[in-house]
Amino acid sequence: MTEPVLNVTTTDIAPEAAVLSAAGDIDFGSEHVLRTAAASAFERNVTRLVVDVGRVRICDSSGLSLFVDLHRQTTARGGWFRLAGPGPLLVKTLAVTNLDRVLPAYDTVDAALAG
């Protein structure tokens, strides 16, 4: 059996806050794994969402689009969306696409939660 391309674990921080820790590749074929984990968090009324991307190797346009969608969903609920631990390539990609202006990124999960 082959390993999944993307693994996501969820940690509820408070009734309204959760951290989704992603490991692997966020791309067209795997973004649904992260989307499903976020949908599950939204079903629990999470409004503040941190996605820990510290162990993400690749994030293509599907992943970026998902991040924008999660940002929209959390702000529509009166909350926020933040990224934690992005590597240099993802930081550069966010800057080049100007998504760094919309999607706050922090060095650590703790920093993202503290905002």
C-alpha atoms as a PDB file:
ATOM      1  CA  MET A   1       0.000   0.000   0.000  1.00  0.00           C
ATOM      2  CA  THR A   2       1.383   3.404  -0.939  1.00  0.00           C
ATOM      3  CA  GLU A   3       1.604   6.322   1.449  1.00  0.00           C
ATOM      4  CA  PRO A   4      -0.868   9.165   0.906  1.00  0.00           C
ATOM      5  CA  VAL A   5       0.569  12.251  -0.750  1.00  0.00           C
ATOM      6  CA  LEU A   6      -0.859  14.474   1.995  1.00  0.00           C
ATOM      7  CA  ASN A   7      -1.585  13.747   5.643  1.00  0.00           C
ATOM      8  CA  VAL A   8      -3.526  16.186   7.788  1.00  0.00           C
ATOM      9  CA  THR A   9      -4.031  16.029  11.535  1.00  0.00           C
ATOM     10  CA  THR A  10      -6.373  18.298  13.443  1.00  0.00           C
ATOM     11  CA  THR A  11      -5.824  19.768  16.885  1.00  0.00           C
ATOM     12  CA  ASP A  12      -8.676  21.685  18.463  1.00  0.00           C
ATOM     13  CA  ILE A  13      -7.201  24.560  20.464  1.00  0.00           C
ATOM     14  CA  ALA A  14     -10.457  26.015  21.760  1.00  0.00           C
ATOM     15  CA  PRO A  15     -14.109  25.577  20.782  1.00  0.00           C
ATOM     16  CA  GLU A  16     -13.625  28.145  18.011  1.00  0.00           C
ATOM     17  CA  ALA A  17      -9.992  27.482  17.024  1.00  0.00           C
ATOM     18  CA  ALA A  18      -8.187  24.586  15.344  1.00  0.00           C
ATOM     19  CA  VAL A  19      -4.796  23.800  13.861  1.00  0.00           C
ATOM     20  CA  LEU A  20      -4.597  21.636  10.762  1.00  0.00           C
ATOM     21  CA  SER A  21      -1.089  20.198  10.438  1.00  0.00           C
ATOM     22  CA  ALA A  22      -0.292  19.194   6.885  1.00  0.00           C
ATOM     23  CA  ALA A  23       2.571  16.941   5.815  1.00  0.00           C
ATOM     24  CA  GLY A  24       3.370  16.134   2.200  1.00  0.00           C
ATOM     25  CA  ASP A  25       2.246  17.798  -1.012  1.00  0.00           C
ATOM     26  CA  ILE A  26      -0.742  20.095  -1.406  1.00  0.00           C
ATOM     27  CA  ASP A  27      -1.622  19.841  -5.071  1.00  0.00           C
ATOM     28  CA  PHE A  28      -4.493  19.145  -7.450  1.00  0.00           C
ATOM     29  CA  GLY A  29      -4.622  15.494  -6.492  1.00  0.00           C
ATOM     30  CA  SER A  30      -4.439  15.962  -2.719  1.00  0.00           C
ATOM     31  CA  GLU A  31      -5.921  19.321  -1.747  1.00  0.00           C
ATOM     32  CA  HIS A  32      -9.226  17.553  -1.021  1.00  0.00           C
ATOM     33  CA  VAL A  33      -7.610  15.991   2.082  1.00  0.00           C
ATOM     34  CA  LEU A  34      -6.993  19.427   3.600  1.00  0.00           C
ATOM     35  CA  ARG A  35     -10.359  20.720   2.360  1.00  0.00           C
ATOM     36  CA  THR A  36     -12.146  17.822   4.067  1.00  0.00           C
ATOM     37  CA  ALA A  37     -10.301  18.418   7.347  1.00  0.00           C
ATOM     38  CA  ALA A  38     -11.250  22.111   7.211  1.00  0.00           C
ATOM     39  CA  ALA A  39     -14.884  21.259   6.437  1.00  0.00           C
ATOM     40  CA  SER A  40     -14.941  19.020   9.486  1.00  0.00           C
ATOM     41  CA  ALA A  41     -13.579  21.867  11.610  1.00  0.00           C
ATOM     42  CA  PHE A  42     -16.232  24.228  10.227  1.00  0.00           C
ATOM     43  CA  GLU A  43     -18.917  21.700  11.173  1.00  0.00           C
ATOM     44  CA  ARG A  44     -17.658  22.078  14.760  1.00  0.00           C
ATOM     45  CA  ASN A  45     -18.115  25.879  14.446  1.00  0.00           C
ATOM     46  CA  VAL A  46     -14.404  26.658  14.189  1.00  0.00           C
ATOM     47  CA  THR A  47     -13.925  30.277  13.113  1.00  0.00           C
ATOM     48  CA  ARG A  48     -10.163  30.619  13.694  1.00  0.00           C
ATOM     49  CA  LEU A  49      -8.065  28.286  11.593  1.00  0.00           C
ATOM     50  CA  VAL A  50      -4.295  27.807  11.428  1.00  0.00           C
ATOM     51  CA  VAL A  51      -2.813  25.563   8.765  1.00  0.00           C
ATOM     52  CA  ASP A  52       0.660  24.382   9.756  1.00  0.00           C
ATOM     53  CA  VAL A  53       2.543  23.969   6.482  1.00  0.00           C
ATOM     54  CA  GLY A  54       5.955  23.399   8.054  1.00  0.00           C
ATOM     55  CA  ARG A  55       6.107  19.853   6.660  1.00  0.00           C
ATOM     56  CA  VAL A  56       4.630  20.648   3.242  1.00  0.00           C
ATOM     57  CA  ARG A  57       7.045  19.966   0.387  1.00  0.00           C
ATOM     58  CA  ILE A  58       5.008  21.298  -2.532  1.00  0.00           C
ATOM     59  CA  CYS A  59       2.047  23.653  -2.752  1.00  0.00           C
ATOM     60  CA  ASP A  60       0.691  24.305  -6.236  1.00  0.00           C
ATOM     61  CA  SER A  61      -2.034  26.665  -7.401  1.00  0.00           C
ATOM     62  CA  SER A  62      -4.705  24.276  -6.094  1.00  0.00           C
ATOM     63  CA  GLY A  63      -3.280  24.666  -2.606  1.00  0.00           C
ATOM     64  CA  LEU A  64      -3.065  28.441  -2.929  1.00  0.00           C
ATOM     65  CA  SER A  65      -6.657  28.547  -4.126  1.00  0.00           C
ATOM     66  CA  LEU A  66      -7.700  26.419  -1.158  1.00  0.00           C
ATOM     67  CA  PHE A  67      -5.937  28.804   1.240  1.00  0.00           C
ATOM     68  CA  VAL A  68      -7.844  31.742  -0.264  1.00  0.00           C
ATOM     69  CA  ASP A  69     -11.087  29.785   0.032  1.00  0.00           C
ATOM     70  CA  LEU A  70     -10.395  28.941   3.684  1.00  0.00           C
ATOM     71  CA  HIS A  71      -9.580  32.599   4.342  1.00  0.00           C
ATOM     72  CA  ARG A  72     -12.936  33.594   2.845  1.00  0.00           C
ATOM     73  CA  GLN A  73     -14.821  30.974   4.824  1.00  0.00           C
ATOM     74  CA  THR A  74     -13.276  31.910   8.162  1.00  0.00           C
ATOM     75  CA  THR A  75     -13.718  35.649   7.685  1.00  0.00           C
ATOM     76  CA  ALA A  76     -17.343  35.091   6.625  1.00  0.00           C
ATOM     77  CA  ARG A  77     -17.793  33.404  10.003  1.00  0.00           C
ATOM     78  CA  GLY A  78     -16.234  36.375  11.808  1.00  0.00           C
ATOM     79  CA  GLY A  79     -12.887  34.665  12.343  1.00  0.00           C
ATOM     80  CA  TRP A  80      -9.504  34.426  10.666  1.00  0.00           C
ATOM     81  CA  PHE A  81      -7.183  32.112   8.706  1.00  0.00           C
ATOM     82  CA  ARG A  82      -3.418  31.945   9.161  1.00  0.00           C
ATOM     83  CA  LEU A  83      -0.531  29.877   7.855  1.00  0.00           C
ATOM     84  CA  ALA A  84       2.242  28.649  10.138  1.00  0.00           C
ATOM     85  CA  GLY A  85       5.767  27.564   9.296  1.00  0.00           C
ATOM     86  CA  PRO A  86       5.893  28.108   5.543  1.00  0.00           C
ATOM     87  CA  GLY A  87       9.190  27.205   3.919  1.00  0.00           C
ATOM     88  CA  PRO A  88      11.160  29.619   1.741  1.00  0.00           C
ATOM     89  CA  LEU A  89       9.550  28.452  -1.507  1.00  0.00           C
ATOM     90  CA  LEU A  90       6.009  28.931  -0.204  1.00  0.00           C
ATOM     91  CA  VAL A  91       6.917  32.320   1.287  1.00  0.00           C
ATOM     92  CA  LYS A  92       8.285  33.392  -2.105  1.00  0.00           C
ATOM     93  CA  THR A  93       5.230  32.023  -3.929  1.00  0.00           C
ATOM     94  CA  LEU A  94       2.900  33.933  -1.611  1.00  0.00           C
ATOM     95  CA  ALA A  95       4.907  37.125  -2.205  1.00  0.00           C
ATOM     96  CA  VAL A  96       5.073  36.743  -5.995  1.00  0.00           C
ATOM     97  CA  THR A  97       1.319  36.168  -6.188  1.00  0.00           C
ATOM     98  CA  ASN A  98       0.614  38.984  -3.696  1.00  0.00           C
ATOM     99  CA  LEU A  99      -1.223  36.480  -1.527  1.00  0.00           C
ATOM    100  CA  ASP A 100       1.050  37.450   1.348  1.00  0.00           C
ATOM    101  CA  ARG A 101      -1.128  40.573   1.601  1.00  0.00           C
ATOM    102  CA  VAL A 102      -4.232  38.423   2.218  1.00  0.00           C
ATOM    103  CA  LEU A 103      -2.907  35.292   3.882  1.00  0.00           C
ATOM    104  CA  PRO A 104      -0.940  36.021   7.051  1.00  0.00           C
ATOM    105  CA  ALA A 105       1.993  33.663   7.564  1.00  0.00           C
ATOM    106  CA  TYR A 106       3.837  33.139  10.838  1.00  0.00           C
ATOM    107  CA  ASP A 107       7.013  31.251  11.713  1.00  0.00           C
ATOM    108  CA  THR A 108       5.315  28.968  14.244  1.00  0.00           C
ATOM    109  CA  VAL A 109       1.885  27.691  15.189  1.00  0.00           C
ATOM    110  CA  ASP A 110       2.110  29.516  18.534  1.00  0.00           C
ATOM    111  CA  ALA A 111       2.879  32.800  16.768  1.00  0.00           C
ATOM    112  CA  ALA A 112      -0.018  32.235  14.363  1.00  0.00           C
ATOM    113  CA  LEU A 113      -2.417  31.572  17.220  1.00  0.00           C
ATOM    114  CA  ALA A 114      -1.233  34.671  19.076  1.00  0.00           C
ATOM    115  CA  GLY A 115      -1.411  36.745  15.896  1.00  0.00           C
END
